[in-house]
Amino acid sequence: MRRRFFVDRFDQNAKSAVLEGEDAHHLGNVLRAQPGQLYELSDGSAAWLARIESVRRDRVEFALVEQIAAISPVADFTLLLSIVKFDAFEWALEKATELGVSTIVPLAAGRSEKNLVAAAAKRSERWRKILFEASQQSRRLRVPALTDMVEAEQAFASQSAKLCILFSERSDAPPLKQVLANADTARQRVAILAIGPEGGWTDAEFAAARAGAAHSAHGDRCRFCSFGSQFLVGSGRRTVGDATCVSLRSAPPAHRAKSSGQRGLRLSESHL
């Protein structure tokens, strides 16, 4: 499978593109790219198969060969991801990107560790780099957006999607399968997924989630779901109801060892 790189733009008149900076250095000096080799390029709107014309220290010039069909997700996923220990949080960023999430909103949840919340603001550039690299690895058309960190209650109040799922381990939450069966998933084009911190959501956050759903444009009443230790994001190639589930038990060993105590990332949760 060919590697994909992001470029600023395509020159459609000259049928060419230029890769500069760190990625160009990596391609030329680490991967030892040579003229004539083929790679995939994306400018965030379209993807092309391109042939290397020249390789310099921090600049690689390409000739565009043919446009690659772009597979657009059938639903636009926004992931509200509570701040947890950064190794687990960053692993979730990477996997969410690979699975097709469009927007990621870091949440300062009521039970997020205060020192982690305080340090999170300094890691935004690192997180954007993780999203960028994961997007190239998974051959996405564009990099998901990463917003500024917000408080969970504020995030819930600002969401208006008809299909909003708040994952919870509360015993009264119905299974995810049941929630999706009751929703018209085939017609959903926007979905909100919210993942809580270690210790779960506070009562105030549940109330804010309910209020946000009740006052959405569609007026949906609040519903809840839980589904064990699986992470729903969706591959972007299927309907919401067919969304891909990835068990966090397949995480790296460091994450597996911690999974029993990280409720926010083990993912049992609730429907707004």
Protein backbone atom coordinates (compact mmCIF):
# COMPACT_ATOMS: atom_id res chain seq x y z
CA MET A 1 0.00 0.00 0.00
CA ARG A 2 1.40 3.39 -0.99
CA ARG A 3 2.14 6.07 1.59
CA ARG A 4 0.07 9.24 1.57
CA PHE A 5 1.32 12.74 2.31
CA PHE A 6 -0.47 16.05 2.69
CA VAL A 7 0.46 19.03 0.53
CA ASP A 8 -0.73 22.62 0.71
CA ARG A 9 -2.24 22.60 -2.76
CA PHE A 10 -2.21 21.07 -6.23
CA ASP A 11 -1.17 23.10 -9.24
CA GLN A 12 -3.82 21.94 -11.67
CA ASN A 13 -2.40 23.93 -14.57
CA ALA A 14 1.08 22.45 -14.28
CA LYS A 15 -0.25 19.11 -12.98
CA SER A 16 2.25 19.25 -10.15
CA ALA A 17 2.58 19.49 -6.38
CA VAL A 18 5.35 20.26 -3.90
CA LEU A 19 6.01 18.70 -0.52
CA GLU A 20 8.15 20.81 1.80
CA GLY A 21 9.44 20.87 5.36
CA GLU A 22 9.59 17.98 7.80
CA ASP A 23 7.63 15.53 5.64
CA ALA A 24 9.82 16.25 2.62
CA HIS A 25 12.92 15.69 4.74
CA HIS A 26 11.47 12.40 6.01
CA LEU A 27 10.57 11.26 2.51
CA GLY A 28 13.94 12.14 1.00
CA ASN A 29 16.33 11.31 3.82
CA VAL A 30 14.60 8.56 5.82
CA LEU A 31 12.57 6.76 3.17
CA ARG A 32 15.25 7.47 0.57
CA ALA A 33 12.70 8.39 -2.06
CA GLN A 34 13.93 8.54 -5.67
CA PRO A 35 12.59 10.19 -8.84
CA GLY A 36 10.07 7.98 -10.56
CA GLN A 37 8.57 6.54 -7.37
CA LEU A 38 4.81 6.87 -6.84
CA TYR A 39 3.09 8.22 -3.74
CA GLU A 40 -0.37 9.46 -2.87
CA LEU A 41 -0.94 13.14 -2.10
CA SER A 42 -3.91 14.97 -0.59
CA ASP A 43 -4.64 18.66 -0.14
CA GLY A 44 -7.62 18.01 2.13
CA SER A 45 -10.12 18.19 -0.74
CA ALA A 46 -8.80 15.74 -3.33
CA ALA A 47 -6.25 12.97 -3.58
CA TRP A 48 -3.85 12.22 -6.43
CA LEU A 49 -1.41 9.52 -7.39
CA ALA A 50 1.83 11.41 -8.01
CA ARG A 51 5.29 10.61 -9.36
CA ILE A 52 8.42 12.09 -7.81
CA GLU A 53 10.23 14.39 -10.24
CA SER A 54 13.00 15.67 -7.97
CA VAL A 55 14.20 15.25 -4.39
CA ARG A 56 16.06 17.95 -2.49
CA ARG A 57 16.94 18.36 1.17
CA ASP A 58 13.57 19.74 2.33
CA ARG A 59 11.61 19.78 -0.91
CA VAL A 60 10.14 17.03 -3.07
CA GLU A 61 8.51 17.89 -6.39
CA PHE A 62 5.79 15.68 -7.89
CA ALA A 63 4.00 15.31 -11.20
CA LEU A 64 0.32 14.42 -10.85
CA VAL A 65 -0.51 11.13 -12.56
CA GLU A 66 -4.19 10.47 -11.88
CA GLN A 67 -6.82 11.52 -9.39
CA ILE A 68 -7.78 8.98 -6.73
CA ALA A 69 -11.44 8.49 -5.90
CA ALA A 70 -12.12 9.93 -2.45
CA ILE A 71 -14.34 7.90 -0.14
CA SER A 72 -16.45 10.31 1.88
CA PRO A 73 -17.84 9.21 5.25
CA VAL A 74 -21.59 8.71 5.23
CA ALA A 75 -21.78 10.42 8.61
CA ASP A 76 -19.92 13.28 10.24
CA PHE A 77 -18.68 12.15 13.65
CA THR A 78 -17.72 14.57 16.42
CA LEU A 79 -15.95 12.93 19.36
CA LEU A 80 -16.20 14.61 22.77
CA LEU A 81 -13.20 13.05 24.52
CA SER A 82 -12.65 13.67 28.23
CA ILE A 83 -9.14 14.37 29.45
CA VAL A 84 -7.53 11.28 30.98
CA LYS A 85 -3.90 10.24 31.40
CA PHE A 86 -2.13 11.47 28.32
CA ASP A 87 -0.78 8.17 27.02
CA ALA A 88 -4.32 6.76 26.89
CA PHE A 89 -5.79 10.02 25.59
CA GLU A 90 -3.27 10.21 22.77
CA TRP A 91 -3.81 6.58 21.84
CA ALA A 92 -7.53 7.36 21.60
CA LEU A 93 -6.77 10.37 19.37
CA GLU A 94 -4.80 8.15 17.02
CA LYS A 95 -7.45 5.42 16.81
CA ALA A 96 -10.32 7.87 16.45
CA THR A 97 -8.49 9.44 13.52
CA GLU A 98 -7.94 6.06 11.89
CA LEU A 99 -11.64 5.24 12.29
CA GLY A 100 -12.86 8.40 10.56
CA VAL A 101 -13.86 10.96 13.20
CA SER A 102 -14.25 14.44 11.71
CA THR A 103 -13.87 16.61 14.82
CA ILE A 104 -12.39 15.95 18.26
CA VAL A 105 -13.31 18.10 21.24
CA PRO A 106 -11.16 17.63 24.38
CA LEU A 107 -13.37 17.81 27.48
CA ALA A 108 -12.46 19.13 30.91
CA ALA A 109 -14.92 16.82 32.66
CA GLY A 110 -15.82 17.16 36.30
CA ARG A 111 -13.87 14.02 37.21
CA SER A 112 -10.88 14.63 34.94
CA GLU A 113 -7.71 14.99 37.00
CA LYS A 114 -7.12 18.70 37.60
CA ASN A 115 -3.39 18.52 36.92
CA LEU A 116 -4.05 16.87 33.56
CA VAL A 117 -6.60 19.52 32.64
CA ALA A 118 -4.10 22.25 33.55
CA ALA A 119 -1.40 20.63 31.42
CA ALA A 120 -3.64 19.84 28.46
CA ALA A 121 -3.53 23.35 27.01
CA LYS A 122 0.21 22.99 26.42
CA ARG A 123 -0.20 19.77 24.44
CA SER A 124 -2.48 20.99 21.65
CA GLU A 125 0.36 21.20 19.10
CA ARG A 126 1.51 17.68 20.00
CA TRP A 127 -2.05 16.42 19.61
CA ARG A 128 -2.43 18.08 16.22
CA LYS A 129 0.76 16.37 15.10
CA ILE A 130 -0.64 13.01 16.26
CA LEU A 131 -3.80 13.64 14.23
CA PHE A 132 -1.75 14.69 11.20
CA GLU A 133 0.49 11.64 11.27
CA ALA A 134 -2.40 9.24 11.95
CA SER A 135 -4.29 10.76 9.01
CA GLN A 136 -1.37 10.13 6.67
CA GLN A 137 -0.91 6.59 8.00
CA SER A 138 -4.57 5.74 7.49
CA ARG A 139 -4.68 7.51 4.09
CA ARG A 140 -7.42 9.91 5.06
CA LEU A 141 -8.45 12.69 2.74
CA ARG A 142 -8.19 15.32 5.47
CA VAL A 143 -6.99 15.71 9.03
CA PRO A 144 -9.73 15.83 11.70
CA ALA A 145 -10.29 19.17 13.40
CA LEU A 146 -9.14 19.53 17.01
CA THR A 147 -10.95 22.22 18.97
CA ASP A 148 -9.90 24.01 22.11
CA MET A 149 -10.64 22.21 25.36
CA VAL A 150 -14.06 23.01 26.84
CA GLU A 151 -15.96 22.00 29.95
CA ALA A 152 -18.23 19.01 29.44
CA GLU A 153 -21.44 20.84 30.34
CA GLN A 154 -20.64 23.60 27.86
CA ALA A 155 -19.93 21.05 25.13
CA PHE A 156 -23.22 19.23 25.72
CA ALA A 157 -25.20 22.47 25.58
CA SER A 158 -23.67 23.44 22.23
CA GLN A 159 -24.44 20.19 20.37
CA SER A 160 -27.52 19.95 18.16
CA ALA A 161 -27.08 16.67 16.26
CA LYS A 162 -30.05 14.34 16.31
CA LEU A 163 -27.93 11.29 17.12
CA CYS A 164 -25.89 12.03 20.26
CA ILE A 165 -24.43 9.20 22.31
CA LEU A 166 -23.05 9.66 25.81
CA PHE A 167 -21.24 6.50 26.88
CA SER A 168 -21.85 5.49 30.50
CA GLU A 169 -21.44 2.55 32.84
CA ARG A 170 -24.62 3.30 34.75
CA SER A 171 -26.70 0.20 35.31
CA ASP A 172 -29.90 1.76 33.94
CA ALA A 173 -28.37 2.50 30.53
CA PRO A 174 -29.77 0.28 27.75
CA PRO A 175 -27.35 -1.49 25.37
CA LEU A 176 -25.94 0.43 22.44
CA LYS A 177 -27.53 -2.01 20.03
CA GLN A 178 -30.94 -1.18 21.48
CA VAL A 179 -30.35 2.56 21.21
CA LEU A 180 -29.26 2.31 17.59
CA ALA A 181 -32.21 0.04 16.79
CA ASN A 182 -34.57 2.73 18.09
CA ALA A 183 -32.85 5.49 16.12
CA ASP A 184 -33.26 6.03 12.38
CA THR A 185 -29.53 5.52 11.84
CA ALA A 186 -29.80 5.13 8.07
CA ARG A 187 -30.77 8.80 7.78
CA GLN A 188 -28.27 10.23 10.24
CA ARG A 189 -25.49 12.28 8.69
CA VAL A 190 -24.20 13.90 11.87
CA ALA A 191 -23.42 12.07 15.10
CA ILE A 192 -21.96 13.14 18.44
CA LEU A 193 -20.09 10.65 20.65
CA ALA A 194 -19.04 11.56 24.20
CA ILE A 195 -16.53 9.60 26.28
CA GLY A 196 -16.17 10.28 29.99
CA PRO A 197 -13.15 10.35 32.33
CA GLU A 198 -12.02 7.88 34.94
CA GLY A 199 -14.83 7.76 37.48
CA GLY A 200 -17.50 8.49 34.89
CA TRP A 201 -19.78 11.49 34.39
CA THR A 202 -21.13 13.63 37.23
CA ASP A 203 -24.86 14.06 37.80
CA ALA A 204 -24.55 17.67 36.61
CA GLU A 205 -23.00 16.49 33.34
CA PHE A 206 -25.80 13.99 32.82
CA ALA A 207 -28.31 16.77 33.40
CA ALA A 208 -26.51 19.01 30.91
CA ALA A 209 -26.51 16.19 28.37
CA ARG A 210 -30.25 15.72 28.79
CA ALA A 211 -30.88 19.43 28.48
CA GLY A 212 -28.74 19.67 25.38
CA ALA A 213 -30.67 16.87 23.71
CA ALA A 214 -34.05 18.21 24.78
CA HIS A 215 -33.30 21.60 23.25
CA SER A 216 -31.76 20.36 20.02
CA ALA A 217 -33.22 21.31 16.70
CA HIS A 218 -34.99 17.96 16.45
CA GLY A 219 -36.30 17.98 20.02
CA ASP A 220 -35.22 14.41 20.71
CA ARG A 221 -35.80 13.27 24.25
CA CYS A 222 -32.81 11.92 26.15
CA ARG A 223 -31.98 8.22 25.88
CA PHE A 224 -29.15 6.19 27.35
CA CYS A 225 -27.05 3.21 26.35
CA SER A 226 -24.12 1.10 27.52
CA PHE A 227 -22.09 -1.49 25.66
CA GLY A 228 -19.25 -2.91 27.74
CA SER A 229 -15.65 -2.33 26.74
CA GLN A 230 -16.04 -1.27 23.13
CA PHE A 231 -15.31 2.04 21.43
CA LEU A 232 -17.85 3.18 18.85
CA VAL A 233 -16.56 5.59 16.29
CA GLY A 234 -17.51 4.31 12.84
CA SER A 235 -15.31 3.59 9.88
CA GLY A 236 -16.89 6.33 7.77
CA ARG A 237 -17.57 3.79 5.01
CA ARG A 238 -20.73 2.43 6.63
CA THR A 239 -23.93 3.77 8.11
CA VAL A 240 -24.02 4.90 11.71
CA GLY A 241 -25.89 1.74 12.64
CA ASP A 242 -23.13 -0.33 11.07
CA ALA A 243 -20.39 1.61 12.79
CA THR A 244 -17.16 -0.16 13.54
CA CYS A 245 -16.49 -1.07 17.17
CA VAL A 246 -12.90 -1.50 18.33
CA SER A 247 -12.22 -3.12 21.68
CA LEU A 248 -9.69 -1.30 23.79
CA ARG A 249 -8.41 -4.73 24.77
CA SER A 250 -6.48 -4.53 21.51
CA ALA A 251 -4.64 -1.46 22.81
CA PRO A 252 -0.90 -1.56 23.49
CA PRO A 253 0.07 -3.46 26.70
CA ALA A 254 0.40 -0.28 28.75
CA HIS A 255 -3.21 0.55 28.01
CA ARG A 256 -4.51 -2.96 28.53
CA ALA A 257 -2.95 -3.05 31.96
CA LYS A 258 -4.75 0.12 32.93
CA SER A 259 -8.08 -0.53 31.22
CA SER A 260 -9.86 -1.86 34.29
CA GLY A 261 -9.51 1.50 35.99
CA GLN A 262 -10.12 3.80 33.04
CA ARG A 263 -13.84 3.90 32.65
CA GLY A 264 -13.75 6.82 30.29
CA LEU A 265 -11.74 4.83 27.78
CA ARG A 266 -13.25 1.42 28.41
CA LEU A 267 -16.39 2.90 27.06
CA SER A 268 -19.69 1.93 28.47
CA GLU A 269 -21.75 5.01 28.10
CA SER A 270 -25.03 6.90 27.32
CA HIS A 271 -27.31 8.30 24.67
CA LEU A 272 -28.32 11.96 24.73
